[in-house]
């Protein structure tokens, strides 16, 4: 039998929420920066194949996020690549 106090449960919930928020914020920042770093020339053209630069940018961000969801790229991969190739230091807590 395991006894857990209500305050312990609240702290576990708070910690999980903070971790999720930190991860979401890191992804929200790292993915667009990575897309700009990798795909800047493609993004800057006003219209390509009938798609605006904003639409292409959103598609590229969604593609990278999909790669993250499928496990092809990790948060650490994004942080390391941005640091090594762009000199941008993003750290997650």
Protein backbone atom coordinates (compact mmCIF):
# COMPACT_ATOMS: atom_id res chain seq x y z
CA UNK A 1 0.00 0.00 0.00
CA UNK A 2 1.21 3.48 -0.88
CA UNK A 3 0.02 6.54 0.98
CA UNK A 4 0.19 9.85 -0.84
CA UNK A 5 -0.92 13.12 0.67
CA UNK A 6 -3.12 15.49 -1.28
CA UNK A 7 -0.33 18.07 -1.17
CA UNK A 8 2.03 15.53 -2.79
CA UNK A 9 -0.47 14.91 -5.57
CA UNK A 10 -0.81 18.66 -6.11
CA UNK A 11 2.98 19.02 -6.32
CA UNK A 12 3.22 16.15 -8.81
CA UNK A 13 0.53 17.82 -10.95
CA UNK A 14 2.31 21.18 -10.72
CA UNK A 15 5.65 19.63 -11.71
CA UNK A 16 4.08 17.79 -14.65
CA UNK A 17 2.35 20.98 -15.81
CA UNK A 18 5.59 22.97 -15.59
CA UNK A 19 7.49 20.32 -17.53
CA UNK A 20 4.81 20.23 -20.24
CA UNK A 21 4.74 24.03 -20.48
CA UNK A 22 8.54 24.25 -20.68
CA UNK A 23 8.61 21.62 -23.42
CA UNK A 24 5.82 23.32 -25.36
CA UNK A 25 7.52 26.70 -25.13
CA UNK A 26 10.85 25.24 -26.20
CA UNK A 27 9.21 23.63 -29.24
CA UNK A 28 7.26 26.80 -30.01
CA UNK A 29 10.54 28.70 -30.18
CA UNK A 30 12.97 26.10 -31.54
CA UNK A 31 10.89 24.82 -34.45
CA UNK A 32 10.34 28.19 -36.17
CA UNK A 33 13.96 29.23 -35.57
CA UNK A 34 15.16 25.93 -37.02
CA UNK A 35 12.89 26.32 -40.06
CA UNK A 36 14.18 29.85 -40.68
CA UNK A 37 17.75 28.62 -40.28
CA UNK A 38 17.30 25.71 -42.68
CA UNK A 39 14.78 27.07 -45.19
CA UNK A 40 15.28 30.85 -45.29
CA UNK A 41 15.65 31.12 -49.09
CA UNK A 42 12.47 29.08 -49.64
CA UNK A 43 10.52 31.19 -47.17
CA UNK A 44 11.55 34.58 -48.53
CA UNK A 45 10.09 34.14 -51.99
CA UNK A 46 6.68 35.78 -51.93
CA UNK A 47 4.65 33.10 -53.70
CA UNK A 48 5.72 29.60 -54.74
CA UNK A 49 3.31 27.17 -56.36
CA UNK A 50 0.41 29.39 -55.33
CA UNK A 51 1.35 29.33 -51.63
CA UNK A 52 2.26 32.46 -49.71
CA UNK A 53 5.46 32.54 -47.66
CA UNK A 54 3.37 32.40 -44.49
CA UNK A 55 1.62 29.24 -45.63
CA UNK A 56 4.92 27.63 -46.64
CA UNK A 57 6.48 28.65 -43.31
CA UNK A 58 3.57 27.11 -41.39
CA UNK A 59 3.83 23.92 -43.49
CA UNK A 60 7.57 23.67 -42.83
CA UNK A 61 7.02 24.17 -39.08
CA UNK A 62 4.34 21.48 -39.07
CA UNK A 63 6.65 19.13 -40.98
CA UNK A 64 9.40 19.59 -38.39
CA UNK A 65 6.91 19.16 -35.55
CA UNK A 66 5.71 15.94 -37.20
CA UNK A 67 9.32 14.72 -37.27
CA UNK A 68 9.55 15.49 -33.55
CA UNK A 69 6.30 13.60 -32.87
CA UNK A 70 7.55 10.58 -34.80
CA UNK A 71 10.82 10.57 -32.86
CA UNK A 72 13.04 11.47 -35.83
CA UNK A 73 14.30 14.56 -34.00
CA UNK A 74 14.50 15.30 -30.28
CA UNK A 75 14.51 18.48 -28.23
CA UNK A 76 18.21 17.93 -27.63
CA UNK A 77 18.81 17.55 -31.39
CA UNK A 78 17.14 20.89 -32.04
CA UNK A 79 19.03 22.64 -29.26
CA UNK A 80 22.37 21.18 -30.33
CA UNK A 81 21.88 21.99 -34.01
CA UNK A 82 20.84 25.58 -33.30
CA UNK A 83 23.85 26.03 -31.04
CA UNK A 84 26.39 24.47 -33.40
CA UNK A 85 25.08 25.88 -36.68
CA UNK A 86 23.50 29.20 -35.68
CA UNK A 87 25.16 30.10 -32.39
CA UNK A 88 21.79 30.21 -30.63
CA UNK A 89 21.72 28.74 -27.14
CA UNK A 90 18.27 27.48 -26.20
CA UNK A 91 18.15 25.62 -22.93
CA UNK A 92 15.27 23.75 -21.49
CA UNK A 93 14.96 23.48 -17.73
